[in-house]
Amino acid sequence: MYWPNYTTILFEQFIINKKEFKMDKKDIQLLRVENVADLLACSKSHVWHLTKTGEIASHKLSDRITVWVKSEIEDYIYSKIAA
């Protein structure tokens, strides 16, 4: 199956990790691990390490699909630059 570089989803409400989040209608870009690694200029294993330690948040869409919200990754990058 082909996966684009990012997935744009338009929705009001979604469920992640059994928590319900209500959001305004807007485009949310979801990234796969390869895309996050590209944004952070690091390896995929380092992305998993950052996720495991809680520095960046991931969201499970299914048992085998984990995504990251692009704006959250950008906020993480800006916080590291500002530090």
PDB file of N, CA and C in Angstrom:
ATOM      1  N   MET A   1       0.830  -1.178   0.000  1.00  0.00           N
ATOM      2  CA  MET A   1       0.000   0.000   0.000  1.00  0.00           C
ATOM      3  C   MET A   1       0.873   1.240   0.000  1.00  0.00           C
ATOM      4  N   TYR A   2       0.500   2.222  -0.778  1.00  0.00           N
ATOM      5  CA  TYR A   2       1.259   3.468  -0.877  1.00  0.00           C
ATOM      6  C   TYR A   2       0.871   4.416   0.246  1.00  0.00           C
ATOM      7  N   TRP A   3       1.861   4.972   0.948  1.00  0.00           N
ATOM      8  CA  TRP A   3       1.630   5.966   1.975  1.00  0.00           C
ATOM      9  C   TRP A   3       2.206   7.289   1.515  1.00  0.00           C
ATOM     10  N   PRO A   4       1.402   8.343   1.457  1.00  0.00           N
ATOM     11  CA  PRO A   4       1.938   9.648   1.082  1.00  0.00           C
ATOM     12  C   PRO A   4       2.852  10.175   2.178  1.00  0.00           C
ATOM     13  N   ASN A   5       3.569  11.258   1.874  1.00  0.00           N
ATOM     14  CA  ASN A   5       4.486  11.839   2.851  1.00  0.00           C
ATOM     15  C   ASN A   5       3.758  12.278   4.113  1.00  0.00           C
ATOM     16  N   TYR A   6       2.573  12.767   3.972  1.00  0.00           N
ATOM     17  CA  TYR A   6       1.761  13.110   5.129  1.00  0.00           C
ATOM     18  C   TYR A   6       0.300  12.919   4.764  1.00  0.00           C
ATOM     19  N   THR A   7      -0.508  12.811   5.748  1.00  0.00           N
ATOM     20  CA  THR A   7      -1.929  12.614   5.539  1.00  0.00           C
ATOM     21  C   THR A   7      -2.662  13.821   6.100  1.00  0.00           C
ATOM     22  N   THR A   8      -3.494  14.430   5.305  1.00  0.00           N
ATOM     23  CA  THR A   8      -4.288  15.554   5.767  1.00  0.00           C
ATOM     24  C   THR A   8      -5.706  15.071   5.992  1.00  0.00           C
ATOM     25  N   ILE A   9      -6.208  15.335   7.173  1.00  0.00           N
ATOM     26  CA  ILE A   9      -7.526  14.863   7.544  1.00  0.00           C
ATOM     27  C   ILE A   9      -8.353  16.061   8.024  1.00  0.00           C
ATOM     28  N   LEU A  10      -9.567  16.162   7.544  1.00  0.00           N
ATOM     29  CA  LEU A  10     -10.472  17.198   7.986  1.00  0.00           C
ATOM     30  C   LEU A  10     -11.540  16.550   8.858  1.00  0.00           C
ATOM     31  N   PHE A  11     -11.628  16.965  10.117  1.00  0.00           N
ATOM     32  CA  PHE A  11     -12.600  16.374  11.009  1.00  0.00           C
ATOM     33  C   PHE A  11     -12.842  17.291  12.194  1.00  0.00           C
ATOM     34  N   GLU A  12     -13.918  17.053  12.909  1.00  0.00           N
ATOM     35  CA  GLU A  12     -14.244  17.808  14.109  1.00  0.00           C
ATOM     36  C   GLU A  12     -13.847  17.061  15.365  1.00  0.00           C
ATOM     37  N   GLN A  13     -14.011  15.765  15.347  1.00  0.00           N
ATOM     38  CA  GLN A  13     -13.849  14.977  16.548  1.00  0.00           C
ATOM     39  C   GLN A  13     -13.179  13.658  16.181  1.00  0.00           C
ATOM     40  N   PHE A  14     -12.246  13.200  16.985  1.00  0.00           N
ATOM     41  CA  PHE A  14     -11.616  11.915  16.745  1.00  0.00           C
ATOM     42  C   PHE A  14     -11.210  11.294  18.066  1.00  0.00           C
ATOM     43  N   ILE A  15     -10.931  10.007  18.044  1.00  0.00           N
ATOM     44  CA  ILE A  15     -10.562   9.299  19.264  1.00  0.00           C
ATOM     45  C   ILE A  15      -9.152   8.751  19.095  1.00  0.00           C
ATOM     46  N   ILE A  16      -8.286   9.063  20.055  1.00  0.00           N
ATOM     47  CA  ILE A  16      -6.914   8.580  20.055  1.00  0.00           C
ATOM     48  C   ILE A  16      -6.629   8.018  21.444  1.00  0.00           C
ATOM     49  N   ASN A  17      -6.136   6.808  21.483  1.00  0.00           N
ATOM     50  CA  ASN A  17      -5.785   6.158  22.747  1.00  0.00           C
ATOM     51  C   ASN A  17      -6.931   6.223  23.758  1.00  0.00           C
ATOM     52  N   LYS A  18      -8.148   5.985  23.272  1.00  0.00           N
ATOM     53  CA  LYS A  18      -9.340   5.937  24.103  1.00  0.00           C
ATOM     54  C   LYS A  18      -9.657   7.266  24.784  1.00  0.00           C
ATOM     55  N   LYS A  19      -9.093   8.372  24.279  1.00  0.00           N
ATOM     56  CA  LYS A  19      -9.413   9.697  24.787  1.00  0.00           C
ATOM     57  C   LYS A  19     -10.099  10.454  23.658  1.00  0.00           C
ATOM     58  N   GLU A  20     -11.076  11.229  24.008  1.00  0.00           N
ATOM     59  CA  GLU A  20     -11.810  11.971  22.989  1.00  0.00           C
ATOM     60  C   GLU A  20     -11.315  13.409  22.961  1.00  0.00           C
ATOM     61  N   PHE A  21     -10.982  13.885  21.777  1.00  0.00           N
ATOM     62  CA  PHE A  21     -10.511  15.241  21.588  1.00  0.00           C
ATOM     63  C   PHE A  21     -11.490  15.972  20.687  1.00  0.00           C
ATOM     64  N   LYS A  22     -11.933  17.139  21.105  1.00  0.00           N
ATOM     65  CA  LYS A  22     -12.791  17.954  20.257  1.00  0.00           C
ATOM     66  C   LYS A  22     -11.947  19.076  19.698  1.00  0.00           C
ATOM     67  N   MET A  23     -12.046  19.276  18.407  1.00  0.00           N
ATOM     68  CA  MET A  23     -11.226  20.280  17.750  1.00  0.00           C
ATOM     69  C   MET A  23     -12.078  21.095  16.801  1.00  0.00           C
ATOM     70  N   ASP A  24     -11.624  22.299  16.515  1.00  0.00           N
ATOM     71  CA  ASP A  24     -12.267  23.094  15.490  1.00  0.00           C
ATOM     72  C   ASP A  24     -11.981  22.455  14.148  1.00  0.00           C
ATOM     73  N   LYS A  25     -12.838  22.774  13.181  1.00  0.00           N
ATOM     74  CA  LYS A  25     -12.602  22.236  11.845  1.00  0.00           C
ATOM     75  C   LYS A  25     -11.335  22.879  11.285  1.00  0.00           C
ATOM     76  N   LYS A  26     -10.367  22.074  10.996  1.00  0.00           N
ATOM     77  CA  LYS A  26      -9.134  22.548  10.374  1.00  0.00           C
ATOM     78  C   LYS A  26      -8.386  21.346   9.829  1.00  0.00           C
ATOM     79  N   ASP A  27      -7.437  21.617   9.005  1.00  0.00           N
ATOM     80  CA  ASP A  27      -6.623  20.535   8.458  1.00  0.00           C
ATOM     81  C   ASP A  27      -5.564  20.144   9.473  1.00  0.00           C
ATOM     82  N   ILE A  28      -5.465  18.850   9.712  1.00  0.00           N
ATOM     83  CA  ILE A  28      -4.440  18.329  10.604  1.00  0.00           C
ATOM     84  C   ILE A  28      -3.570  17.402   9.775  1.00  0.00           C
ATOM     85  N   GLN A  29      -2.285  17.639   9.811  1.00  0.00           N
ATOM     86  CA  GLN A  29      -1.374  16.801   9.048  1.00  0.00           C
ATOM     87  C   GLN A  29      -0.781  15.760   9.979  1.00  0.00           C
ATOM     88  N   LEU A  30      -0.966  14.508   9.596  1.00  0.00           N
ATOM     89  CA  LEU A  30      -0.438  13.385  10.364  1.00  0.00           C
ATOM     90  C   LEU A  30       0.786  12.845   9.652  1.00  0.00           C
ATOM     91  N   LEU A  31       1.844  12.618  10.403  1.00  0.00           N
ATOM     92  CA  LEU A  31       3.106  12.154   9.845  1.00  0.00           C
ATOM     93  C   LEU A  31       3.401  10.732  10.288  1.00  0.00           C
ATOM     94  N   ARG A  32       4.027   9.971   9.426  1.00  0.00           N
ATOM     95  CA  ARG A  32       4.535   8.652   9.784  1.00  0.00           C
ATOM     96  C   ARG A  32       5.962   8.817  10.292  1.00  0.00           C
ATOM     97  N   VAL A  33       6.543   7.762  10.817  1.00  0.00           N
ATOM     98  CA  VAL A  33       7.851   7.837  11.466  1.00  0.00           C
ATOM     99  C   VAL A  33       8.939   8.356  10.521  1.00  0.00           C
ATOM    100  N   GLU A  34       8.886   7.966   9.247  1.00  0.00           N
ATOM    101  CA  GLU A  34       9.898   8.423   8.289  1.00  0.00           C
ATOM    102  C   GLU A  34       9.851   9.937   8.126  1.00  0.00           C
ATOM    103  N   ASN A  35       8.637  10.489   8.098  1.00  0.00           N
ATOM    104  CA  ASN A  35       8.474  11.924   7.919  1.00  0.00           C
ATOM    105  C   ASN A  35       8.938  12.699   9.152  1.00  0.00           C
ATOM    106  N   VAL A  36       8.664  12.144  10.332  1.00  0.00           N
ATOM    107  CA  VAL A  36       9.123  12.787  11.563  1.00  0.00           C
ATOM    108  C   VAL A  36      10.650  12.770  11.610  1.00  0.00           C
ATOM    109  N   ALA A  37      11.244  11.668  11.227  1.00  0.00           N
ATOM    110  CA  ALA A  37      12.706  11.569  11.198  1.00  0.00           C
ATOM    111  C   ALA A  37      13.295  12.606  10.243  1.00  0.00           C
ATOM    112  N   ASP A  38      12.653  12.814   9.106  1.00  0.00           N
ATOM    113  CA  ASP A  38      13.114  13.830   8.163  1.00  0.00           C
ATOM    114  C   ASP A  38      13.027  15.228   8.766  1.00  0.00           C
ATOM    115  N   LEU A  39      11.912  15.534   9.416  1.00  0.00           N
ATOM    116  CA  LEU A  39      11.741  16.861  10.031  1.00  0.00           C
ATOM    117  C   LEU A  39      12.766  17.111  11.129  1.00  0.00           C
ATOM    118  N   LEU A  40      13.046  16.080  11.918  1.00  0.00           N
ATOM    119  CA  LEU A  40      13.983  16.232  13.031  1.00  0.00           C
ATOM    120  C   LEU A  40      15.433  15.989  12.626  1.00  0.00           C
ATOM    121  N   ALA A  41      15.647  15.558  11.396  1.00  0.00           N
ATOM    122  CA  ALA A  41      16.997  15.237  10.894  1.00  0.00           C
ATOM    123  C   ALA A  41      17.663  14.195  11.795  1.00  0.00           C
ATOM    124  N   CYS A  42      16.942  13.123  12.045  1.00  0.00           N
ATOM    125  CA  CYS A  42      17.466  12.048  12.886  1.00  0.00           C
ATOM    126  C   CYS A  42      17.008  10.707  12.316  1.00  0.00           C
ATOM    127  N   SER A  43      17.368   9.638  12.972  1.00  0.00           N
ATOM    128  CA  SER A  43      16.972   8.304  12.517  1.00  0.00           C
ATOM    129  C   SER A  43      15.574   7.948  13.017  1.00  0.00           C
ATOM    130  N   LYS A  44      14.982   6.939  12.384  1.00  0.00           N
ATOM    131  CA  LYS A  44      13.676   6.464  12.826  1.00  0.00           C
ATOM    132  C   LYS A  44      13.756   5.915  14.252  1.00  0.00           C
ATOM    133  N   SER A  45      14.859   5.240  14.584  1.00  0.00           N
ATOM    134  CA  SER A  45      14.991   4.688  15.933  1.00  0.00           C
ATOM    135  C   SER A  45      15.063   5.804  16.979  1.00  0.00           C
ATOM    136  N   HIS A  46      15.639   6.950  16.610  1.00  0.00           N
ATOM    137  CA  HIS A  46      15.682   8.070  17.555  1.00  0.00           C
ATOM    138  C   HIS A  46      14.287   8.676  17.741  1.00  0.00           C
ATOM    139  N   VAL A  47      13.478   8.682  16.696  1.00  0.00           N
ATOM    140  CA  VAL A  47      12.085   9.136  16.818  1.00  0.00           C
ATOM    141  C   VAL A  47      11.355   8.248  17.812  1.00  0.00           C
ATOM    142  N   TRP A  48      11.536   6.924  17.693  1.00  0.00           N
ATOM    143  CA  TRP A  48      10.886   6.000  18.636  1.00  0.00           C
ATOM    144  C   TRP A  48      11.399   6.228  20.057  1.00  0.00           C
ATOM    145  N   HIS A  49      12.683   6.535  20.197  1.00  0.00           N
ATOM    146  CA  HIS A  49      13.257   6.816  21.516  1.00  0.00           C
ATOM    147  C   HIS A  49      12.623   8.081  22.109  1.00  0.00           C
ATOM    148  N   LEU A  50      12.503   9.147  21.314  1.00  0.00           N
ATOM    149  CA  LEU A  50      11.880  10.387  21.788  1.00  0.00           C
ATOM    150  C   LEU A  50      10.424  10.153  22.191  1.00  0.00           C
ATOM    151  N   THR A  51       9.760   9.289  21.453  1.00  0.00           N
ATOM    152  CA  THR A  51       8.370   8.968  21.762  1.00  0.00           C
ATOM    153  C   THR A  51       8.280   8.176  23.065  1.00  0.00           C
ATOM    154  N   LYS A  52       9.157   7.188  23.208  1.00  0.00           N
ATOM    155  CA  LYS A  52       9.139   6.346  24.410  1.00  0.00           C
ATOM    156  C   LYS A  52       9.443   7.154  25.671  1.00  0.00           C
ATOM    157  N   THR A  53      10.345   8.130  25.561  1.00  0.00           N
ATOM    158  CA  THR A  53      10.700   8.952  26.721  1.00  0.00           C
ATOM    159  C   THR A  53       9.709  10.082  26.964  1.00  0.00           C
ATOM    160  N   GLY A  54       8.744  10.258  26.062  1.00  0.00           N
ATOM    161  CA  GLY A  54       7.700  11.260  26.256  1.00  0.00           C
ATOM    162  C   GLY A  54       8.037  12.648  25.757  1.00  0.00           C
ATOM    163  N   GLU A  55       9.148  12.799  25.048  1.00  0.00           N
ATOM    164  CA  GLU A  55       9.504  14.119  24.531  1.00  0.00           C
ATOM    165  C   GLU A  55       8.592  14.548  23.390  1.00  0.00           C
ATOM    166  N   ILE A  56       8.148  13.590  22.593  1.00  0.00           N
ATOM    167  CA  ILE A  56       7.163  13.876  21.549  1.00  0.00           C
ATOM    168  C   ILE A  56       6.031  12.865  21.689  1.00  0.00           C
ATOM    169  N   ALA A  57       4.840  13.301  21.322  1.00  0.00           N
ATOM    170  CA  ALA A  57       3.660  12.449  21.492  1.00  0.00           C
ATOM    171  C   ALA A  57       3.299  11.773  20.178  1.00  0.00           C
ATOM    172  N   SER A  58       3.004  10.498  20.256  1.00  0.00           N
ATOM    173  CA  SER A  58       2.511   9.769  19.092  1.00  0.00           C
ATOM    174  C   SER A  58       1.072   9.362  19.361  1.00  0.00           C
ATOM    175  N   HIS A  59       0.378   8.990  18.298  1.00  0.00           N
ATOM    176  CA  HIS A  59      -1.020   8.592  18.401  1.00  0.00           C
ATOM    177  C   HIS A  59      -1.212   7.319  17.593  1.00  0.00           C
ATOM    178  N   LYS A  60      -1.852   6.340  18.197  1.00  0.00           N
ATOM    179  CA  LYS A  60      -2.111   5.067  17.525  1.00  0.00           C
ATOM    180  C   LYS A  60      -3.451   5.160  16.796  1.00  0.00           C
ATOM    181  N   LEU A  61      -3.426   4.956  15.486  1.00  0.00           N
ATOM    182  CA  LEU A  61      -4.661   4.895  14.719  1.00  0.00           C
ATOM    183  C   LEU A  61      -5.189   3.470  14.677  1.00  0.00           C
ATOM    184  N   SER A  62      -4.275   2.511  14.751  1.00  0.00           N
ATOM    185  CA  SER A  62      -4.627   1.099  14.823  1.00  0.00           C
ATOM    186  C   SER A  62      -3.452   0.372  15.455  1.00  0.00           C
ATOM    187  N   ASP A  63      -3.524  -0.942  15.520  1.00  0.00           N
ATOM    188  CA  ASP A  63      -2.432  -1.706  16.128  1.00  0.00           C
ATOM    189  C   ASP A  63      -1.100  -1.492  15.417  1.00  0.00           C
ATOM    190  N   ARG A  64      -1.156  -1.296  14.104  1.00  0.00           N
ATOM    191  CA  ARG A  64       0.076  -1.205  13.331  1.00  0.00           C
ATOM    192  C   ARG A  64       0.345   0.169  12.738  1.00  0.00           C
ATOM    193  N   ILE A  65      -0.488   1.143  13.050  1.00  0.00           N
ATOM    194  CA  ILE A  65      -0.306   2.482  12.477  1.00  0.00           C
ATOM    195  C   ILE A  65      -0.162   3.502  13.599  1.00  0.00           C
ATOM    196  N   THR A  66       1.019   4.107  13.662  1.00  0.00           N
ATOM    197  CA  THR A  66       1.312   5.173  14.613  1.00  0.00           C
ATOM    198  C   THR A  66       1.591   6.432  13.823  1.00  0.00           C
ATOM    199  N   VAL A  67       1.025   7.539  14.267  1.00  0.00           N
ATOM    200  CA  VAL A  67       1.235   8.814  13.587  1.00  0.00           C
ATOM    201  C   VAL A  67       1.592   9.882  14.614  1.00  0.00           C
ATOM    202  N   TRP A  68       2.157  10.959  14.109  1.00  0.00           N
ATOM    203  CA  TRP A  68       2.478  12.131  14.903  1.00  0.00           C
ATOM    204  C   TRP A  68       1.801  13.319  14.235  1.00  0.00           C
ATOM    205  N   VAL A  69       1.348  14.278  15.025  1.00  0.00           N
ATOM    206  CA  VAL A  69       0.724  15.480  14.483  1.00  0.00           C
ATOM    207  C   VAL A  69       1.846  16.460  14.124  1.00  0.00           C
ATOM    208  N   LYS A  70       1.819  16.937  12.884  1.00  0.00           N
ATOM    209  CA  LYS A  70       2.902  17.782  12.381  1.00  0.00           C
ATOM    210  C   LYS A  70       3.092  19.037  13.228  1.00  0.00           C
ATOM    211  N   SER A  71       2.011  19.679  13.643  1.00  0.00           N
ATOM    212  CA  SER A  71       2.139  20.906  14.444  1.00  0.00           C
ATOM    213  C   SER A  71       2.795  20.621  15.797  1.00  0.00           C
ATOM    214  N   GLU A  72       2.559  19.441  16.375  1.00  0.00           N
ATOM    215  CA  GLU A  72       3.199  19.080  17.641  1.00  0.00           C
ATOM    216  C   GLU A  72       4.705  18.878  17.451  1.00  0.00           C
ATOM    217  N   ILE A  73       5.092  18.286  16.333  1.00  0.00           N
ATOM    218  CA  ILE A  73       6.518  18.099  16.042  1.00  0.00           C
ATOM    219  C   ILE A  73       7.182  19.444  15.804  1.00  0.00           C
ATOM    220  N   GLU A  74       6.507  20.332  15.082  1.00  0.00           N
ATOM    221  CA  GLU A  74       7.058  21.671  14.851  1.00  0.00           C
ATOM    222  C   GLU A  74       7.206  22.434  16.160  1.00  0.00           C
ATOM    223  N   ASP A  75       6.230  22.306  17.068  1.00  0.00           N
ATOM    224  CA  ASP A  75       6.333  22.942  18.384  1.00  0.00           C
ATOM    225  C   ASP A  75       7.535  22.405  19.156  1.00  0.00           C
ATOM    226  N   TYR A  76       7.770  21.098  19.062  1.00  0.00           N
ATOM    227  CA  TYR A  76       8.936  20.482  19.713  1.00  0.00           C
ATOM    228  C   TYR A  76      10.236  21.078  19.140  1.00  0.00           C
ATOM    229  N   ILE A  77      10.293  21.228  17.833  1.00  0.00           N
ATOM    230  CA  ILE A  77      11.493  21.793  17.193  1.00  0.00           C
ATOM    231  C   ILE A  77      11.701  23.226  17.668  1.00  0.00           C
ATOM    232  N   TYR A  78      10.635  24.040  17.678  1.00  0.00           N
ATOM    233  CA  TYR A  78      10.752  25.435  18.115  1.00  0.00           C
ATOM    234  C   TYR A  78      11.171  25.533  19.564  1.00  0.00           C
ATOM    235  N   SER A  79      10.690  24.612  20.412  1.00  0.00           N
ATOM    236  CA  SER A  79      11.070  24.642  21.816  1.00  0.00           C
ATOM    237  C   SER A  79      12.561  24.334  21.989  1.00  0.00           C
ATOM    238  N   LYS A  80      13.090  23.453  21.146  1.00  0.00           N
ATOM    239  CA  LYS A  80      14.520  23.130  21.218  1.00  0.00           C
ATOM    240  C   LYS A  80      15.378  24.277  20.701  1.00  0.00           C
ATOM    241  N   ILE A  81      14.870  24.988  19.674  1.00  0.00           N
ATOM    242  CA  ILE A  81      15.612  26.130  19.140  1.00  0.00           C
ATOM    243  C   ILE A  81      15.630  27.272  20.158  1.00  0.00           C
ATOM    244  N   ALA A  82      14.499  27.493  20.823  1.00  0.00           N
ATOM    245  CA  ALA A  82      14.380  28.600  21.781  1.00  0.00           C
ATOM    246  C   ALA A  82      15.139  28.340  23.072  1.00  0.00           C
ATOM    247  N   ALA A  83      15.429  27.085  23.373  1.00  0.00           N
ATOM    248  CA  ALA A  83      16.080  26.742  24.649  1.00  0.00           C
ATOM    249  C   ALA A  83      17.513  27.186  24.714  1.00  0.00           C
TER     250      ALA A  83
END
